[in-house]
Protein backbone atom coordinates (compact mmCIF):
# COMPACT_ATOMS: atom_id res chain seq x y z
CA MET A 1 78.44 27.06 87.31
CA GLU A 2 80.80 27.72 84.51
CA SER A 3 79.62 31.33 84.23
CA ILE A 4 80.06 31.86 87.95
CA LYS A 5 83.64 30.59 87.81
CA LYS A 6 84.50 32.93 84.90
CA ALA A 7 82.91 35.93 86.76
CA THR A 8 85.01 35.29 89.82
CA SER A 9 88.23 34.48 88.06
CA PRO A 10 91.30 36.62 88.98
CA PHE A 11 91.27 38.26 85.49
CA CYS A 12 87.62 39.45 85.95
CA GLN A 13 88.46 40.73 89.47
CA VAL A 14 91.24 42.74 88.04
CA LEU A 15 89.07 44.23 85.36
CA ARG A 16 86.49 45.07 87.98
CA PHE A 17 89.12 46.81 90.07
CA ILE A 18 90.31 48.80 87.15
CA SER A 19 86.75 49.84 86.28
CA VAL A 20 86.15 51.06 89.88
CA TYR A 21 89.42 52.82 89.90
CA LEU A 22 88.73 54.70 86.66
CA LYS A 23 85.22 55.73 87.84
CA LEU A 24 86.67 57.03 91.11
CA SER A 25 89.46 58.89 89.21
CA LEU A 26 86.85 60.56 87.03
CA LEU A 27 84.75 61.65 89.97
CA LEU A 28 87.86 63.15 91.64
CA SER A 29 88.84 64.99 88.54
CA GLN A 30 85.38 66.60 88.29
CA ALA A 31 84.93 67.59 91.89
CA SER A 32 88.24 68.13 93.70
CA ALA A 33 88.51 68.25 97.46
CA PHE A 34 89.26 71.53 99.21
CA GLU A 35 93.06 72.34 99.01
CA GLU A 36 94.67 75.14 100.90
CA PRO A 37 96.71 77.40 98.62
CA MET A 38 100.24 78.43 99.26
CA ILE A 39 100.55 81.86 100.79
CA SER A 40 103.81 83.57 99.62
CA ALA A 41 105.42 86.95 99.35
CA PRO A 42 105.39 88.76 96.03
CA GLU A 43 108.52 90.23 94.47
CA THR A 44 108.61 93.82 95.73
CA TRP A 45 110.24 97.10 94.95
CA THR A 46 110.23 100.21 97.18
CA ALA A 47 111.41 103.76 96.05
CA LYS A 48 114.71 104.77 97.56
CA SER A 49 113.31 107.78 99.32
CA PHE A 50 109.83 109.26 99.67
CA SER A 51 107.69 111.17 102.07
CA SER A 52 103.90 110.96 102.30
CA LYS A 53 101.96 114.08 103.34
CA SER A 54 104.48 116.47 101.82
CA GLN A 55 103.75 115.02 98.41
CA GLU A 56 99.97 114.92 98.83
CA ASP A 57 99.39 117.43 95.96
CA GLU A 58 101.44 115.27 93.64
CA ILE A 59 99.56 112.01 94.19
CA GLY A 60 96.72 110.99 91.92
CA LYS A 61 93.21 110.30 93.06
CA SER A 62 92.05 107.36 90.89
CA ILE A 63 92.36 103.56 91.06
CA MET A 64 93.15 101.83 87.65
CA VAL A 65 92.67 98.23 86.48
CA TRP A 66 94.35 97.30 83.29
CA ASN A 67 95.16 94.02 81.49
CA VAL A 68 98.21 95.21 79.44
CA LYS A 69 98.38 91.96 77.37
CA TRP A 70 101.84 90.22 77.56
CA PHE A 71 103.65 93.30 78.85
CA PRO A 72 105.98 94.20 77.41
CA GLY A 73 105.34 93.58 73.74
CA GLY A 74 101.70 92.57 73.39
CA ASN A 75 102.41 88.88 72.51
CA PRO A 76 104.59 86.11 73.92
CA ASP A 77 107.12 86.35 71.11
CA ALA A 78 107.34 90.13 70.98
CA THR A 79 110.27 91.77 69.13
CA SER A 80 112.33 94.47 70.76
CA SER A 81 110.43 97.09 68.70
CA GLN A 82 107.10 95.79 69.91
CA LYS A 83 108.26 95.81 73.50
CA LYS A 84 109.52 99.31 73.21
CA SER A 85 106.35 100.54 71.58
CA GLN A 86 104.14 98.99 74.25
CA ILE A 87 106.24 100.38 77.14
CA GLN A 88 106.08 103.89 75.76
CA GLY A 89 102.32 103.51 75.24
CA VAL A 90 101.63 102.29 78.76
CA ARG A 91 103.93 104.89 80.26
CA LYS A 92 102.09 107.65 78.33
CA VAL A 93 98.68 106.54 79.67
CA LEU A 94 99.95 106.34 83.24
CA LYS A 95 101.54 109.75 82.97
CA GLU A 96 98.22 111.28 81.73
CA GLU A 97 95.93 109.53 84.13
CA GLN A 98 98.20 109.30 87.24
CA PRO A 99 96.34 106.69 89.15
CA PHE A 100 97.50 106.50 92.75
CA LEU A 101 96.74 102.76 92.78
CA LEU A 102 97.29 100.63 89.76
CA PHE A 103 96.59 96.97 89.15
CA LEU A 104 98.11 95.32 86.08
CA CYS A 105 97.45 91.86 84.52
CA GLU A 106 99.72 89.94 82.18
CA VAL A 107 103.06 91.29 83.29
CA ARG A 108 106.00 89.20 82.65
CA SER A 109 108.05 90.07 85.80
CA LEU A 110 108.88 92.80 88.26
CA LYS A 111 112.05 93.41 86.17
CA THR A 112 110.02 94.26 83.14
CA LEU A 113 107.81 96.54 85.13
CA MET A 114 110.97 98.61 86.10
CA LYS A 115 111.08 99.66 82.37
CA LEU A 116 108.13 101.90 83.15
CA GLU A 117 110.45 104.01 85.36
CA PRO A 118 108.00 103.88 88.27
CA GLU A 119 109.70 106.62 90.34
CA ARG A 120 109.18 109.06 87.46
CA LEU A 121 105.50 108.11 87.67
CA LYS A 122 105.59 108.83 91.40
CA TYR A 123 105.07 105.26 92.46
CA LYS A 124 106.49 104.32 95.85
CA LYS A 125 105.89 100.56 96.03
CA ILE A 126 105.41 97.70 93.60
CA ALA A 127 104.31 94.07 94.41
CA CYS A 128 104.43 91.53 91.55
CA THR A 129 103.58 87.77 91.60
CA TYR A 130 105.96 85.11 90.56
CA ILE A 131 103.78 81.98 90.00
CA PRO A 132 105.34 79.28 87.78
CA ARG A 133 103.27 77.87 85.06
CA VAL A 134 102.19 74.19 85.42
CA ALA A 135 101.45 71.39 83.01
CA ASP A 136 98.01 72.68 81.82
CA GLU A 137 99.05 76.34 81.44
CA GLY A 138 101.46 76.25 78.55
CA VAL A 139 104.76 75.59 80.14
CA GLY A 140 107.48 77.53 78.26
CA LEU A 141 105.35 80.68 77.68
CA PRO A 142 106.28 83.83 79.51
CA LEU A 143 104.58 84.36 82.89
CA GLN A 144 101.37 86.41 83.06
CA SER A 145 102.00 87.95 86.44
CA LEU A 146 99.77 90.26 88.50
CA ALA A 147 101.07 93.55 89.90
CA PHE A 148 100.12 96.52 92.19
CA LEU A 149 101.82 99.88 91.92
CA SER A 150 101.01 102.45 94.50
CA GLN A 151 101.82 106.08 95.14
CA VAL A 152 100.82 105.54 98.82
CA PRO A 153 102.69 102.94 100.92
CA TRP A 154 100.83 99.79 102.09
CA GLU A 155 101.36 97.88 105.22
CA ALA A 156 101.50 94.35 103.83
CA SER A 157 101.34 92.36 100.63
CA TRP A 158 100.86 88.62 99.87
CA VAL A 159 100.07 86.12 97.14
CA ILE A 160 97.40 83.34 97.14
CA ASP A 161 99.21 80.87 94.92
CA PHE A 162 97.31 78.04 93.11
CA SER A 163 100.25 76.50 91.34
CA GLN A 164 100.54 73.64 93.80
CA PHE A 165 97.01 72.45 93.32
CA ALA A 166 96.28 69.02 91.74
CA LEU A 167 95.52 69.13 88.04
CA THR A 168 91.79 68.80 88.21
CA ARG A 169 89.30 70.29 85.72
CA ASP A 170 88.48 73.07 88.23
CA ARG A 171 92.07 74.10 89.18
CA PRO A 172 92.25 77.83 89.06
CA ARG A 173 94.87 79.64 87.02
CA ARG A 174 97.77 81.56 88.56
CA GLY A 175 96.68 82.99 91.88
CA ILE A 176 95.48 86.24 93.58
CA ILE A 177 97.60 89.15 94.82
CA ALA A 178 96.58 91.22 97.82
CA ILE A 179 97.68 94.38 99.61
CA GLN A 180 96.61 95.94 102.91
CA PHE A 181 96.45 99.61 103.81
CA ASN A 182 95.89 101.21 107.23
CA LEU A 183 92.74 103.44 107.43
CA GLY A 184 93.46 104.44 111.08
CA GLU A 185 90.36 104.41 113.32
CA ARG A 186 88.33 103.32 110.21
CA GLY A 187 90.11 99.97 110.21
CA LYS A 188 92.01 98.53 107.28
CA LEU A 189 91.63 98.41 103.50
CA PHE A 190 92.25 95.10 101.78
CA VAL A 191 92.74 95.20 97.97
CA TYR A 192 92.69 91.92 95.96
CA GLY A 193 93.77 91.70 92.36
CA VAL A 194 92.49 88.89 90.20
CA HIS A 195 92.87 87.57 86.65
CA LEU A 196 90.56 84.72 86.27
CA LYS A 197 90.71 81.89 83.77
CA SER A 198 90.15 82.95 80.06
CA ASN A 199 87.47 81.63 77.79
CA MET A 200 89.97 79.54 75.82
CA GLY A 201 89.04 75.86 76.10
CA LEU A 202 85.99 74.08 77.41
CA ALA A 203 83.47 76.69 78.76
CA SER A 204 82.20 74.45 81.59
CA ASN A 205 85.74 73.92 82.88
CA ASN A 206 86.54 77.58 82.62
CA ARG A 207 83.53 78.49 84.71
CA LEU A 208 84.55 75.98 87.43
CA LYS A 209 88.02 77.37 87.50
CA ARG A 210 86.83 80.94 87.93
CA GLU A 211 84.26 80.13 90.54
CA ARG A 212 86.77 78.09 92.57
CA ALA A 213 89.32 80.83 92.48
CA MET A 214 86.78 83.36 93.88
CA ARG A 215 85.92 81.09 96.81
CA TYR A 216 89.50 81.43 98.06
CA LEU A 217 88.83 85.21 98.59
CA GLU A 218 86.45 84.21 101.44
CA TRP A 219 89.00 81.65 102.74
CA ASP A 220 91.67 84.43 102.89
CA TRP A 221 89.34 86.92 104.61
CA LYS A 222 88.98 84.44 107.38
CA ARG A 223 92.77 83.76 107.44
CA VAL A 224 93.75 87.42 107.80
CA GLY A 225 90.85 88.18 110.15
CA VAL A 226 88.91 90.82 108.24
CA ASP A 227 86.74 92.85 110.64
CA TRP A 228 83.45 93.25 108.69
CA VAL A 229 82.42 96.13 111.04
CA HIS A 230 85.39 98.36 110.43
CA ASP A 231 87.50 96.99 107.49
CA GLU A 232 86.84 97.63 103.84
CA ILE A 233 87.64 95.44 100.72
CA ILE A 234 88.18 96.23 97.08
CA VAL A 235 88.27 93.24 94.60
CA LEU A 236 89.41 94.25 91.11
CA GLY A 237 90.82 92.81 87.90
CA ASP A 238 90.04 90.91 84.79
CA PHE A 239 87.30 88.43 85.61
CA ASN A 240 87.03 87.04 82.04
CA HIS A 241 83.26 86.97 82.17
CA SER A 242 80.50 89.56 82.20
CA LEU A 243 77.53 90.47 84.35
CA LEU A 244 75.88 91.89 81.28
CA ASN A 245 76.28 88.98 78.79
CA PRO A 246 73.58 86.25 79.01
CA VAL A 247 76.31 83.64 78.12
CA TYR A 248 77.49 84.01 81.71
CA GLU A 249 74.16 84.48 83.40
CA SER A 250 74.57 81.27 85.58
CA GLU A 251 78.13 82.01 86.60
CA VAL A 252 78.48 83.09 90.31
CA SER A 253 82.09 84.30 90.30
CA ILE A 254 81.15 87.96 90.65
CA ARG A 255 77.49 87.44 91.78
CA ARG A 256 78.81 85.68 94.88
CA LEU A 257 80.38 89.03 96.02
CA LEU A 258 77.40 91.06 95.01
CA ASP A 259 75.30 88.81 97.32
CA LYS A 260 77.72 89.66 100.12
CA GLY A 261 77.13 93.32 99.76
CA PHE A 262 79.83 94.31 97.29
CA SER A 263 78.96 96.95 94.59
CA ASP A 264 80.04 97.19 91.02
CA VAL A 265 81.27 100.75 90.60
CA MET A 266 80.15 100.90 86.97
CA ASN A 267 76.64 99.60 87.73
CA GLY A 268 74.04 101.34 85.72
CA ALA A 269 76.30 102.66 83.05
CA PRO A 270 75.33 101.79 79.45
CA TRP A 271 76.89 98.62 78.04
CA GLN A 272 78.69 100.45 75.23
CA ASP A 273 80.36 102.72 77.84
CA ARG A 274 81.51 99.73 79.88
CA LEU A 275 83.31 97.69 77.21
CA THR A 276 86.82 96.90 78.48
CA ILE A 277 87.84 94.19 76.10
CA HIS A 278 87.69 94.51 72.32
CA SER A 279 86.94 91.59 69.88
CA THR A 280 89.94 89.32 69.56
CA TYR A 281 90.72 85.59 69.21
CA GLY A 282 87.19 85.12 67.78
CA PHE A 283 85.47 86.52 70.88
CA ALA A 284 83.19 89.58 70.76
CA SER A 285 83.78 92.78 72.68
CA ASP A 286 82.59 92.54 76.31
CA VAL A 287 82.78 93.82 79.91
CA PHE A 288 85.37 91.69 81.64
CA ASP A 289 87.03 94.12 83.95
CA TYR A 290 85.58 95.15 87.26
CA ILE A 291 86.09 97.15 90.46
CA LEU A 292 84.00 95.82 93.28
CA VAL A 293 83.87 97.50 96.66
CA THR A 294 82.21 97.04 100.03
CA SER A 295 79.68 99.50 101.25
CA LYS A 296 81.72 102.06 103.33
CA ILE A 297 84.45 102.49 100.59
CA ARG A 298 81.77 103.80 98.27
CA ARG A 299 81.90 107.09 100.33
CA TYR A 300 85.18 107.72 98.59
CA ALA A 301 83.96 106.75 95.12
CA LYS A 302 83.34 109.80 92.90
CA ALA A 303 83.00 108.43 89.44
CA ALA A 304 84.00 105.45 87.31
CA ARG A 305 84.78 105.24 83.62
CA VAL A 306 86.50 103.18 80.90
CA MET A 307 89.32 105.05 79.34
CA GLU A 308 88.92 105.30 75.52
CA LEU A 309 91.87 103.91 73.57
CA GLU A 310 92.12 103.32 69.93
CA ARG A 311 91.05 99.66 69.36
CA HIS A 312 93.94 97.20 70.14
CA GLN A 313 96.30 100.16 70.73
CA ILE A 314 98.72 98.99 73.51
CA SER A 315 96.36 96.19 74.60
CA ASP A 316 93.10 94.39 73.74
CA HIS A 317 91.82 95.73 77.09
CA SER A 318 90.97 99.31 77.88
CA PRO A 319 91.77 100.62 81.41
CA LEU A 320 89.00 100.94 83.95
CA LEU A 321 89.24 103.82 86.44
CA LEU A 322 87.62 104.74 89.66
CA GLU A 323 88.02 108.39 90.67
CA THR A 324 88.07 108.82 94.46
CA ASP A 325 87.55 111.71 96.84
CA GLY A 326 89.10 111.69 100.24
CA LEU A 327 90.61 108.21 100.14
CA VAL A 328 94.22 109.20 99.42
CA GLU A 329 94.04 111.79 102.16
CA GLN A 330 92.71 109.22 104.65
CA LEU A 331 95.53 106.77 103.70
CA LEU A 332 98.19 109.43 103.97
CA THR A 333 96.91 110.57 107.41
CA SER A 334 96.74 107.11 108.66
CA ASN A 335 100.30 106.25 107.53
CA ASP A 336 101.93 109.34 108.99
C-alpha cells in the first residue's frame, strides 16, 4: 500500500506529466504539422523605359543559374575592395554570356544588385526576396536573398516565405521565389528559384529541410492553378545535394520532380563536366546546381553547360547555363 501511495502522490503525477510533455514535444519537433507559408511580394525594379520586339536582336538566348556567394564581396565581412572585385567579376561574366533570364543565390539585397548596373546589361526587371533571418539561421549575418533578372518582362512575381514557420528540425531555410511569363496560346511559363539548406550541421536534419521545402512547390502549383495541359514549369537553383553522389541517393528533393516528369537539362553529361561547386569548407567538389524543366519546355532547350571559371574566382560556384532556341521569341510575341 505504501508503494501505491507514493506512485499516486502529487509529486509523482507532476513528474509523469512532465515526462509526457517532453515526449510529445520531441515528437512534434521531429515531425511538424503542415504549415502554410506566407506569400509575399519581392522587392522589384523595372527599367525606366524599354520596348520588347524592337530589341529582340539585343536580347540573349540563355538561362543562367549562379550562386554568387555573399554578393557582393564573397564573405559576410567583405571589405570594400573585395566587394568591388566581385561586382566587377560578376558584371564581366554577365556581359560575356548575356543570359536573358538570370537567377542568383546569396545576394544581400536589391540595392546591392543595382551595383551591377542592370540597364547596361539590358535587364528590364528584377525581383529580389527580402526574407529575415530567424533564430536558427545566424541572426546578425547579412541576408542571402534570391533574385531573378530578366531581359524580357514577366507578368507576375511572388515569394514563398518560410520565415514564419515553427523552429522544428525540418523547418526549411529562407523561401522560394517565383515569376510567371505569358506564352500566349501555349499557356504560361512558371519559373521557380530555390536555394535549399546547405550541408552545414546534422545531415539528417538538412535532408528533411530540403525535402520539406520542395513539397511547397506542389502546394504552390495548386494555389496558382497550374494547368498541366498547357502550362510549363522550370525549377532551378542551388539544391545543395547531388543526383550523382551516392551520399544523397536516398534524398527525394530532386527525384520527386523527376518522378513527376521533369527533366534535368544536363542529364547524361559526364560528372566532371557538371561540377558546379568547388571544394570548400571541407566538402568535396560536386553537382549542386540544376535546371529542371517540364516536357514541352524542352522543345526550346538547345544545349546546357557549366561555365568554366578559375577555381574560387568570384564564387565557389560556377554558373550553369541552358541555351534556348525560340523561347525568347515566343515570350516577346506573347507580351506584345
